[in-house]
Amino acid sequence: MPLTFSEQPLILNLAPTGVVPTREMSSSVPLLPDEIVADVLAAAEAGITIVHIHARDDQGRPTHRKEVFARIIGGIRERRSDLVICVSCSGRMVTNVEDRARVLDLGEDLRPDMASLTLSSLNFPTQASVNSPDEIKILAQRMLERGILPEFEIFDLGMVNMLHYLVSRELVAAPMYANLLLGNLATAQPGFLEIGTLVSRLPERLIWSIAGIGAAQLPVAAIAAAAAPGVRVGLEDNLWLDPQRRYPASNPQLVERVHQFAALLHRTVMTPVELRQRLSLSRR
């Protein structure tokens, strides 16, 4: 009999920075390249499986320059070469697909293991993330050619349909990994019916994690510890330890809370090496 999710190690995916947080919003959010490296290494000591990186330049501004990504990836791999590194190819602030894809051209030593691929356009509370079908196919093809595994970002059921389309066109191949992102204003919410519907439509041989945006992060992390293969947390999605926004969070605190949830249910956090094996990623 196969193991249930609650009997398997929990994938812990950390999203430490994003494109929105500023120093005014949080004193803990890592914004400079060296801060991102230091924060990721601290979280890795606590125990994470994947890190989902957005690059910031030396002024703390979001950037898609591959030189900045190289500095961050190199700094992490110098100390934690095992950690699964995913880079963002987000269309939230950059609309040119070639700019979004530059990080995929890094040399082998600095090439990311994974790269995010949002499967449709969507609205956030104050801005849109534009991902046209052609842009999605271009990014998927580039990742396939370079041996970089997509980290699919799924916000609603239509994005699952797009994933099936990519599979049918052989632009992606199993094993696959996806984050189901819940709680955004204009997309799926963190209810059991919505989670179950999304999961029921996922392709075979896909490993999924769930993430809660804003106040949804706490309950979604608890749900994941109890009944999901993985969870994503971090200051990209949520800046607070509590729904009332009384206690500012740090990335290590959010990671430690997931460990506490998992321990209550007698689960461990999956090591990067084990995930590499499950996703057929190269060994480091």
C-alpha atoms as a PDB file:
ATOM      1  CA  MET A   1       0.000   0.000   0.000  1.00  0.00           C
ATOM      2  CA  PRO A   2       1.482   3.432  -0.943  1.00  0.00           C
ATOM      3  CA  LEU A   3       2.275   5.892   1.803  1.00  0.00           C
ATOM      4  CA  THR A   4      -0.186   8.700   2.454  1.00  0.00           C
ATOM      5  CA  PHE A   5       1.072  12.273   2.231  1.00  0.00           C
ATOM      6  CA  SER A   6       1.138  12.524   6.022  1.00  0.00           C
ATOM      7  CA  GLU A   7       3.550   9.557   6.126  1.00  0.00           C
ATOM      8  CA  GLN A   8       6.002  11.141   3.674  1.00  0.00           C
ATOM      9  CA  PRO A   9       8.564  13.893   4.298  1.00  0.00           C
ATOM     10  CA  LEU A  10       7.153  17.368   3.689  1.00  0.00           C
ATOM     11  CA  ILE A  11       8.654  19.478   0.886  1.00  0.00           C
ATOM     12  CA  LEU A  12       9.421  22.948   2.279  1.00  0.00           C
ATOM     13  CA  ASN A  13       9.735  25.602  -0.413  1.00  0.00           C
ATOM     14  CA  LEU A  14      10.965  29.028   0.751  1.00  0.00           C
ATOM     15  CA  ALA A  15      10.087  32.206  -1.196  1.00  0.00           C
ATOM     16  CA  PRO A  16      12.178  34.772   0.706  1.00  0.00           C
ATOM     17  CA  THR A  17      11.836  38.028  -1.241  1.00  0.00           C
ATOM     18  CA  GLY A  18       9.421  38.425  -4.183  1.00  0.00           C
ATOM     19  CA  VAL A  19       9.051  41.680  -6.111  1.00  0.00           C
ATOM     20  CA  VAL A  20       6.683  43.616  -3.835  1.00  0.00           C
ATOM     21  CA  PRO A  21       8.146  43.804  -0.283  1.00  0.00           C
ATOM     22  CA  THR A  22      10.206  46.862   0.634  1.00  0.00           C
ATOM     23  CA  ARG A  23      12.239  47.803   3.691  1.00  0.00           C
ATOM     24  CA  GLU A  24       9.355  50.050   4.767  1.00  0.00           C
ATOM     25  CA  MET A  25       7.008  47.061   4.717  1.00  0.00           C
ATOM     26  CA  SER A  26       9.361  44.777   6.633  1.00  0.00           C
ATOM     27  CA  SER A  27      12.746  45.206   8.268  1.00  0.00           C
ATOM     28  CA  SER A  28      13.348  41.467   7.860  1.00  0.00           C
ATOM     29  CA  VAL A  29      12.841  41.056   4.129  1.00  0.00           C
ATOM     30  CA  PRO A  30      16.153  40.382   2.321  1.00  0.00           C
ATOM     31  CA  LEU A  31      16.519  42.877  -0.523  1.00  0.00           C
ATOM     32  CA  LEU A  32      20.191  43.110  -1.465  1.00  0.00           C
ATOM     33  CA  PRO A  33      21.887  40.116  -3.135  1.00  0.00           C
ATOM     34  CA  ASP A  34      24.106  39.387  -0.128  1.00  0.00           C
ATOM     35  CA  GLU A  35      21.102  39.670   2.210  1.00  0.00           C
ATOM     36  CA  ILE A  36      19.184  37.146   0.117  1.00  0.00           C
ATOM     37  CA  VAL A  37      22.109  34.719   0.258  1.00  0.00           C
ATOM     38  CA  ALA A  38      22.472  35.115   4.038  1.00  0.00           C
ATOM     39  CA  ASP A  39      18.731  34.669   4.650  1.00  0.00           C
ATOM     40  CA  VAL A  40      18.534  31.564   2.466  1.00  0.00           C
ATOM     41  CA  LEU A  41      21.535  30.012   4.220  1.00  0.00           C
ATOM     42  CA  ALA A  42      19.969  30.711   7.626  1.00  0.00           C
ATOM     43  CA  ALA A  43      16.714  29.090   6.504  1.00  0.00           C
ATOM     44  CA  ALA A  44      18.643  26.151   5.068  1.00  0.00           C
ATOM     45  CA  GLU A  45      20.204  25.585   8.488  1.00  0.00           C
ATOM     46  CA  ALA A  46      16.686  25.344   9.914  1.00  0.00           C
ATOM     47  CA  GLY A  47      15.764  22.954   7.091  1.00  0.00           C
ATOM     48  CA  ILE A  48      14.285  23.735   3.664  1.00  0.00           C
ATOM     49  CA  THR A  49      14.033  21.719   0.458  1.00  0.00           C
ATOM     50  CA  ILE A  50      13.720  24.359  -2.285  1.00  0.00           C
ATOM     51  CA  VAL A  51      14.381  28.082  -2.467  1.00  0.00           C
ATOM     52  CA  HIS A  52      12.397  30.238  -4.922  1.00  0.00           C
ATOM     53  CA  ILE A  53      14.537  33.268  -5.749  1.00  0.00           C
ATOM     54  CA  HIS A  54      13.610  36.712  -7.023  1.00  0.00           C
ATOM     55  CA  ALA A  55      16.707  38.819  -7.701  1.00  0.00           C
ATOM     56  CA  ARG A  56      17.204  42.338  -6.352  1.00  0.00           C
ATOM     57  CA  ASP A  57      20.002  44.687  -7.379  1.00  0.00           C
ATOM     58  CA  ASP A  58      22.309  46.653  -5.048  1.00  0.00           C
ATOM     59  CA  GLN A  59      19.565  49.259  -4.555  1.00  0.00           C
ATOM     60  CA  GLY A  60      17.060  46.562  -3.610  1.00  0.00           C
ATOM     61  CA  ARG A  61      15.092  46.909  -6.853  1.00  0.00           C
ATOM     62  CA  PRO A  62      13.649  43.853  -8.623  1.00  0.00           C
ATOM     63  CA  THR A  63      15.787  42.796 -11.575  1.00  0.00           C
ATOM     64  CA  HIS A  64      15.955  40.008 -14.164  1.00  0.00           C
ATOM     65  CA  ARG A  65      19.673  40.535 -14.890  1.00  0.00           C
ATOM     66  CA  LYS A  66      21.344  37.160 -14.993  1.00  0.00           C
ATOM     67  CA  GLU A  67      24.524  38.617 -13.453  1.00  0.00           C
ATOM     68  CA  VAL A  68      22.604  39.355 -10.251  1.00  0.00           C
ATOM     69  CA  PHE A  69      21.024  35.904 -10.245  1.00  0.00           C
ATOM     70  CA  ALA A  70      24.520  34.452 -10.734  1.00  0.00           C
ATOM     71  CA  ARG A  71      25.790  36.302  -7.667  1.00  0.00           C
ATOM     72  CA  ILE A  72      22.930  34.985  -5.535  1.00  0.00           C
ATOM     73  CA  ILE A  73      23.080  31.412  -6.843  1.00  0.00           C
ATOM     74  CA  GLY A  74      26.862  31.310  -6.483  1.00  0.00           C
ATOM     75  CA  GLY A  75      26.685  32.596  -2.912  1.00  0.00           C
ATOM     76  CA  ILE A  76      24.167  29.906  -1.943  1.00  0.00           C
ATOM     77  CA  ARG A  77      25.952  27.057  -3.714  1.00  0.00           C
ATOM     78  CA  GLU A  78      29.268  27.950  -2.135  1.00  0.00           C
ATOM     79  CA  ARG A  79      27.828  26.837   1.214  1.00  0.00           C
ATOM     80  CA  ARG A  80      24.833  24.652   0.284  1.00  0.00           C
ATOM     81  CA  SER A  81      25.417  23.013  -3.069  1.00  0.00           C
ATOM     82  CA  ASP A  82      22.679  20.455  -2.303  1.00  0.00           C
ATOM     83  CA  LEU A  83      19.860  23.005  -2.034  1.00  0.00           C
ATOM     84  CA  VAL A  84      17.355  22.923  -4.906  1.00  0.00           C
ATOM     85  CA  ILE A  85      17.414  26.419  -6.423  1.00  0.00           C
ATOM     86  CA  CYS A  86      14.475  27.777  -8.403  1.00  0.00           C
ATOM     87  CA  VAL A  87      14.651  31.203 -10.061  1.00  0.00           C
ATOM     88  CA  SER A  88      11.741  33.439 -10.960  1.00  0.00           C
ATOM     89  CA  CYS A  89      10.815  34.190 -14.575  1.00  0.00           C
ATOM     90  CA  SER A  90       7.880  36.298 -13.412  1.00  0.00           C
ATOM     91  CA  GLY A  91       5.928  38.567 -15.733  1.00  0.00           C
ATOM     92  CA  ARG A  92       4.679  40.720 -12.901  1.00  0.00           C
ATOM     93  CA  MET A  93       7.028  43.658 -13.491  1.00  0.00           C
ATOM     94  CA  VAL A  94       8.824  42.693 -16.725  1.00  0.00           C
ATOM     95  CA  THR A  95       6.791  42.138 -19.871  1.00  0.00           C
ATOM     96  CA  ASN A  96       9.614  41.341 -22.307  1.00  0.00           C
ATOM     97  CA  VAL A  97       9.886  37.556 -22.471  1.00  0.00           C
ATOM     98  CA  GLU A  98      13.563  37.729 -23.480  1.00  0.00           C
ATOM     99  CA  ASP A  99      14.364  39.660 -20.303  1.00  0.00           C
ATOM    100  CA  ARG A 100      12.438  37.110 -18.275  1.00  0.00           C
ATOM    101  CA  ALA A 101      14.381  34.249 -19.875  1.00  0.00           C
ATOM    102  CA  ARG A 102      17.908  35.661 -19.430  1.00  0.00           C
ATOM    103  CA  VAL A 103      18.527  33.762 -16.195  1.00  0.00           C
ATOM    104  CA  LEU A 104      18.005  30.489 -18.080  1.00  0.00           C
ATOM    105  CA  ASP A 105      21.206  31.165 -20.041  1.00  0.00           C
ATOM    106  CA  LEU A 106      23.566  30.993 -17.068  1.00  0.00           C
ATOM    107  CA  GLY A 107      26.511  28.609 -17.444  1.00  0.00           C
ATOM    108  CA  GLU A 108      26.335  25.097 -16.072  1.00  0.00           C
ATOM    109  CA  ASP A 109      27.905  25.825 -12.669  1.00  0.00           C
ATOM    110  CA  LEU A 110      25.383  28.602 -11.963  1.00  0.00           C
ATOM    111  CA  ARG A 111      22.421  27.245 -13.887  1.00  0.00           C
ATOM    112  CA  PRO A 112      19.327  26.974 -11.682  1.00  0.00           C
ATOM    113  CA  ASP A 113      17.749  23.601 -11.041  1.00  0.00           C
ATOM    114  CA  MET A 114      14.253  24.983 -11.612  1.00  0.00           C
ATOM    115  CA  ALA A 115      12.540  28.118 -12.916  1.00  0.00           C
ATOM    116  CA  SER A 116       9.054  29.437 -12.273  1.00  0.00           C
ATOM    117  CA  LEU A 117       6.447  29.260 -15.020  1.00  0.00           C
ATOM    118  CA  THR A 118       3.113  30.948 -14.325  1.00  0.00           C
ATOM    119  CA  LEU A 119       0.525  29.277 -16.537  1.00  0.00           C
ATOM    120  CA  SER A 120      -1.705  32.249 -17.404  1.00  0.00           C
ATOM    121  CA  SER A 121      -2.201  35.954 -16.797  1.00  0.00           C
ATOM    122  CA  LEU A 122      -3.777  37.010 -13.512  1.00  0.00           C
ATOM    123  CA  ASN A 123      -4.618  40.064 -11.429  1.00  0.00           C
ATOM    124  CA  PHE A 124      -3.034  40.808  -8.082  1.00  0.00           C
ATOM    125  CA  PRO A 125      -4.680  43.473  -5.879  1.00  0.00           C
ATOM    126  CA  THR A 126      -2.816  46.400  -7.469  1.00  0.00           C
ATOM    127  CA  GLN A 127      -1.262  45.043 -10.668  1.00  0.00           C
ATOM    128  CA  ALA A 128      -1.425  42.322 -13.305  1.00  0.00           C
ATOM    129  CA  SER A 129       0.991  39.521 -14.093  1.00  0.00           C
ATOM    130  CA  VAL A 130       0.823  39.073 -17.859  1.00  0.00           C
ATOM    131  CA  ASN A 131       1.671  35.646 -19.235  1.00  0.00           C
ATOM    132  CA  SER A 132       0.447  35.192 -22.793  1.00  0.00           C
ATOM    133  CA  PRO A 133       0.191  31.681 -24.303  1.00  0.00           C
ATOM    134  CA  ASP A 134       3.109  32.417 -26.627  1.00  0.00           C
ATOM    135  CA  GLU A 135       5.284  33.633 -23.744  1.00  0.00           C
ATOM    136  CA  ILE A 136       4.455  30.539 -21.711  1.00  0.00           C
ATOM    137  CA  LYS A 137       5.428  28.279 -24.608  1.00  0.00           C
ATOM    138  CA  ILE A 138       8.677  30.180 -25.229  1.00  0.00           C
ATOM    139  CA  LEU A 139       9.707  29.898 -21.583  1.00  0.00           C
ATOM    140  CA  ALA A 140       8.723  26.224 -21.419  1.00  0.00           C
ATOM    141  CA  GLN A 141      10.762  25.476 -24.553  1.00  0.00           C
ATOM    142  CA  ARG A 142      13.821  27.322 -23.209  1.00  0.00           C
ATOM    143  CA  MET A 143      13.646  25.415 -19.924  1.00  0.00           C
ATOM    144  CA  LEU A 144      13.285  22.112 -21.763  1.00  0.00           C
ATOM    145  CA  GLU A 145      16.294  22.837 -23.985  1.00  0.00           C
ATOM    146  CA  ARG A 146      18.488  23.802 -21.020  1.00  0.00           C
ATOM    147  CA  GLY A 147      17.476  20.966 -18.730  1.00  0.00           C
ATOM    148  CA  ILE A 148      15.819  23.286 -16.207  1.00  0.00           C
ATOM    149  CA  LEU A 149      12.702  21.911 -14.530  1.00  0.00           C
ATOM    150  CA  PRO A 150       9.683  24.258 -14.545  1.00  0.00           C
ATOM    151  CA  GLU A 151       8.163  25.175 -11.202  1.00  0.00           C
ATOM    152  CA  PHE A 152       4.577  25.598 -12.385  1.00  0.00           C
ATOM    153  CA  GLU A 153       2.627  28.349 -10.628  1.00  0.00           C
ATOM    154  CA  ILE A 154      -1.081  27.528 -10.591  1.00  0.00           C
ATOM    155  CA  PHE A 155      -3.591  30.062  -9.297  1.00  0.00           C
ATOM    156  CA  ASP A 156      -6.827  28.634 -10.728  1.00  0.00           C
ATOM    157  CA  LEU A 157      -8.309  25.758 -12.724  1.00  0.00           C
ATOM    158  CA  GLY A 158      -7.656  27.352 -16.105  1.00  0.00           C
ATOM    159  CA  MET A 159      -3.937  27.171 -15.400  1.00  0.00           C
ATOM    160  CA  VAL A 160      -4.238  23.410 -14.861  1.00  0.00           C
ATOM    161  CA  ASN A 161      -5.816  23.213 -18.312  1.00  0.00           C
ATOM    162  CA  MET A 162      -2.807  25.104 -19.714  1.00  0.00           C
ATOM    163  CA  LEU A 163      -0.478  22.601 -18.083  1.00  0.00           C
ATOM    164  CA  HIS A 164      -2.267  19.719 -19.812  1.00  0.00           C
ATOM    165  CA  TYR A 165      -1.855  21.609 -23.095  1.00  0.00           C
ATOM    166  CA  LEU A 166       1.924  21.914 -22.538  1.00  0.00           C
ATOM    167  CA  VAL A 167       2.112  18.194 -21.763  1.00  0.00           C
ATOM    168  CA  SER A 168       0.189  17.351 -24.938  1.00  0.00           C
ATOM    169  CA  ARG A 169       2.632  19.474 -27.000  1.00  0.00           C
ATOM    170  CA  GLU A 170       5.617  17.773 -25.312  1.00  0.00           C
ATOM    171  CA  LEU A 171       6.900  21.100 -24.008  1.00  0.00           C
ATOM    172  CA  VAL A 172       7.113  19.634 -20.505  1.00  0.00           C
ATOM    173  CA  ALA A 173       7.720  16.129 -19.275  1.00  0.00           C
ATOM    174  CA  ALA A 174       7.346  14.120 -16.078  1.00  0.00           C
ATOM    175  CA  PRO A 175       8.356  14.182 -13.329  1.00  0.00           C
ATOM    176  CA  MET A 176       6.864  17.632 -12.716  1.00  0.00           C
ATOM    177  CA  TYR A 177       6.475  20.037  -9.810  1.00  0.00           C
ATOM    178  CA  ALA A 178       3.811  22.704  -9.159  1.00  0.00           C
ATOM    179  CA  ASN A 179       2.845  25.250  -6.521  1.00  0.00           C
ATOM    180  CA  LEU A 180      -0.877  25.824  -6.010  1.00  0.00           C
ATOM    181  CA  LEU A 181      -1.096  29.436  -4.832  1.00  0.00           C
ATOM    182  CA  LEU A 182      -4.196  30.234  -2.794  1.00  0.00           C
ATOM    183  CA  GLY A 183      -5.760  33.333  -1.291  1.00  0.00           C
ATOM    184  CA  ASN A 184      -5.009  35.963  -3.943  1.00  0.00           C
ATOM    185  CA  LEU A 185      -7.887  38.402  -4.471  1.00  0.00           C
ATOM    186  CA  ALA A 186      -8.720  37.350  -8.041  1.00  0.00           C
ATOM    187  CA  THR A 187      -7.903  33.620  -8.005  1.00  0.00           C
ATOM    188  CA  ALA A 188      -8.494  30.386  -6.054  1.00  0.00           C
ATOM    189  CA  GLN A 189      -9.078  30.614  -2.310  1.00  0.00           C
ATOM    190  CA  PRO A 190      -7.737  28.310   0.434  1.00  0.00           C
ATOM    191  CA  GLY A 191     -10.832  26.149   0.816  1.00  0.00           C
ATOM    192  CA  PHE A 192     -10.854  22.360   0.795  1.00  0.00           C
ATOM    193  CA  LEU A 193     -13.186  22.226  -2.209  1.00  0.00           C
ATOM    194  CA  GLU A 194     -10.952  24.484  -4.297  1.00  0.00           C
ATOM    195  CA  ILE A 195      -7.764  22.680  -3.282  1.00  0.00           C
ATOM    196  CA  GLY A 196      -9.358  19.309  -4.004  1.00  0.00           C
ATOM    197  CA  THR A 197     -10.643  20.433  -7.390  1.00  0.00           C
ATOM    198  CA  LEU A 198      -7.229  21.715  -8.455  1.00  0.00           C
ATOM    199  CA  VAL A 199      -5.458  18.584  -7.252  1.00  0.00           C
ATOM    200  CA  SER A 200      -7.970  16.274  -8.947  1.00  0.00           C
ATOM    201  CA  ARG A 201      -7.134  17.780 -12.339  1.00  0.00           C
ATOM    202  CA  LEU A 202      -3.337  17.705 -12.082  1.00  0.00           C
ATOM    203  CA  PRO A 203      -1.424  15.465 -14.522  1.00  0.00           C
ATOM    204  CA  GLU A 204       0.088  12.200 -13.375  1.00  0.00           C
ATOM    205  CA  ARG A 205       3.639  12.142 -12.012  1.00  0.00           C
ATOM    206  CA  LEU A 206       3.387  15.682 -10.702  1.00  0.00           C
ATOM    207  CA  ILE A 207       4.453  16.623  -7.177  1.00  0.00           C
ATOM    208  CA  TRP A 208       2.489  19.540  -5.771  1.00  0.00           C
ATOM    209  CA  SER A 209       2.816  21.984  -2.930  1.00  0.00           C
ATOM    210  CA  ILE A 210       0.328  24.527  -1.629  1.00  0.00           C
ATOM    211  CA  ALA A 211       0.983  28.135  -0.654  1.00  0.00           C
ATOM    212  CA  GLY A 212      -1.154  30.738   1.077  1.00  0.00           C
ATOM    213  CA  ILE A 213      -0.899  34.419   0.200  1.00  0.00           C
ATOM    214  CA  GLY A 214      -1.178  36.962   3.029  1.00  0.00           C
ATOM    215  CA  ALA A 215      -3.342  35.815   5.910  1.00  0.00           C
ATOM    216  CA  ALA A 216      -3.934  32.517   4.093  1.00  0.00           C
ATOM    217  CA  GLN A 217      -0.322  31.414   4.680  1.00  0.00           C
ATOM    218  CA  LEU A 218      -0.868  30.205   8.251  1.00  0.00           C
ATOM    219  CA  PRO A 219      -3.918  27.948   7.634  1.00  0.00           C
ATOM    220  CA  VAL A 220      -2.517  26.685   4.332  1.00  0.00           C
ATOM    221  CA  ALA A 221       0.759  25.717   6.030  1.00  0.00           C
ATOM    222  CA  ALA A 222      -1.222  23.758   8.603  1.00  0.00           C
ATOM    223  CA  ILE A 223      -3.253  22.030   5.880  1.00  0.00           C
ATOM    224  CA  ALA A 224      -0.070  21.165   4.009  1.00  0.00           C
ATOM    225  CA  ALA A 225       1.587  19.668   7.079  1.00  0.00           C
ATOM    226  CA  ALA A 226      -1.463  17.454   7.561  1.00  0.00           C
ATOM    227  CA  ALA A 227      -2.382  16.463   4.019  1.00  0.00           C
ATOM    228  CA  ALA A 228      -0.139  17.690   1.183  1.00  0.00           C
ATOM    229  CA  PRO A 229       3.191  16.684  -0.327  1.00  0.00           C
ATOM    230  CA  GLY A 230       4.651  20.150   0.187  1.00  0.00           C
ATOM    231  CA  VAL A 231       4.224  23.753   1.274  1.00  0.00           C
ATOM    232  CA  ARG A 232       5.611  27.126   0.225  1.00  0.00           C
ATOM    233  CA  VAL A 233       6.145  29.881   2.792  1.00  0.00           C
ATOM    234  CA  GLY A 234       8.183  33.067   2.960  1.00  0.00           C
ATOM    235  CA  LEU A 235       8.130  36.843   3.044  1.00  0.00           C
ATOM    236  CA  GLU A 236       7.330  37.014  -0.666  1.00  0.00           C
ATOM    237  CA  ASP A 237       3.799  35.862   0.158  1.00  0.00           C
ATOM    238  CA  ASN A 238       3.271  37.068   3.717  1.00  0.00           C
ATOM    239  CA  LEU A 239       5.045  39.488   6.077  1.00  0.00           C
ATOM    240  CA  TRP A 240       3.326  38.569   9.339  1.00  0.00           C
ATOM    241  CA  LEU A 241       3.297  35.753  11.876  1.00  0.00           C
ATOM    242  CA  ASP A 242      -0.367  36.291  12.718  1.00  0.00           C
ATOM    243  CA  PRO A 243      -3.519  37.195  10.722  1.00  0.00           C
ATOM    244  CA  GLN A 244      -4.023  40.351  12.816  1.00  0.00           C
ATOM    245  CA  ARG A 245      -0.644  41.723  11.635  1.00  0.00           C
ATOM    246  CA  ARG A 246       0.669  42.342  15.117  1.00  0.00           C
ATOM    247  CA  TYR A 247       3.931  40.399  14.846  1.00  0.00           C
ATOM    248  CA  PRO A 248       6.272  40.887  11.884  1.00  0.00           C
ATOM    249  CA  ALA A 249       7.764  37.679  10.523  1.00  0.00           C
ATOM    250  CA  SER A 250      11.193  36.666   9.305  1.00  0.00           C
ATOM    251  CA  ASN A 251      11.934  33.885   6.856  1.00  0.00           C
ATOM    252  CA  PRO A 252      13.626  31.643   9.456  1.00  0.00           C
ATOM    253  CA  GLN A 253      10.585  32.074  11.735  1.00  0.00           C
ATOM    254  CA  LEU A 254       8.196  31.037   8.961  1.00  0.00           C
ATOM    255  CA  VAL A 255      10.380  28.016   8.208  1.00  0.00           C
ATOM    256  CA  GLU A 256      10.571  27.037  11.865  1.00  0.00           C
ATOM    257  CA  ARG A 257       6.782  27.227  12.188  1.00  0.00           C
ATOM    258  CA  VAL A 258       6.387  24.707   9.365  1.00  0.00           C
ATOM    259  CA  HIS A 259       8.806  22.411  11.185  1.00  0.00           C
ATOM    260  CA  GLN A 260       6.650  22.732  14.297  1.00  0.00           C
ATOM    261  CA  PHE A 261       3.488  21.859  12.349  1.00  0.00           C
ATOM    262  CA  ALA A 262       5.229  18.883  10.754  1.00  0.00           C
ATOM    263  CA  ALA A 263       6.593  17.638  14.091  1.00  0.00           C
ATOM    264  CA  LEU A 264       3.115  17.685  15.634  1.00  0.00           C
ATOM    265  CA  LEU A 265       2.071  15.278  12.890  1.00  0.00           C
ATOM    266  CA  HIS A 266       5.250  13.193  13.115  1.00  0.00           C
ATOM    267  CA  ARG A 267       6.473  14.336   9.707  1.00  0.00           C
ATOM    268  CA  THR A 268       9.987  15.334   8.763  1.00  0.00           C
ATOM    269  CA  VAL A 269      10.995  17.955   6.194  1.00  0.00           C
ATOM    270  CA  MET A 270      12.297  16.491   2.954  1.00  0.00           C
ATOM    271  CA  THR A 271      15.986  16.958   2.240  1.00  0.00           C
ATOM    272  CA  PRO A 272      17.066  18.576  -1.036  1.00  0.00           C
ATOM    273  CA  VAL A 273      18.850  15.346  -1.986  1.00  0.00           C
ATOM    274  CA  GLU A 274      15.647  13.330  -1.710  1.00  0.00           C
ATOM    275  CA  LEU A 275      13.723  15.817  -3.849  1.00  0.00           C
ATOM    276  CA  ARG A 276      16.490  15.750  -6.448  1.00  0.00           C
ATOM    277  CA  GLN A 277      16.016  12.009  -6.676  1.00  0.00           C
ATOM    278  CA  ARG A 278      12.234  12.275  -6.980  1.00  0.00           C
ATOM    279  CA  LEU A 279      12.391  14.977  -9.665  1.00  0.00           C
ATOM    280  CA  SER A 280      15.377  13.487 -11.515  1.00  0.00           C
ATOM    281  CA  LEU A 281      17.415  16.645 -10.946  1.00  0.00           C
ATOM    282  CA  SER A 282      21.173  16.487 -11.322  1.00  0.00           C
ATOM    283  CA  ARG A 283      23.107  15.676  -8.157  1.00  0.00           C
ATOM    284  CA  ARG A 284      25.278  18.372  -6.571  1.00  0.00           C
END
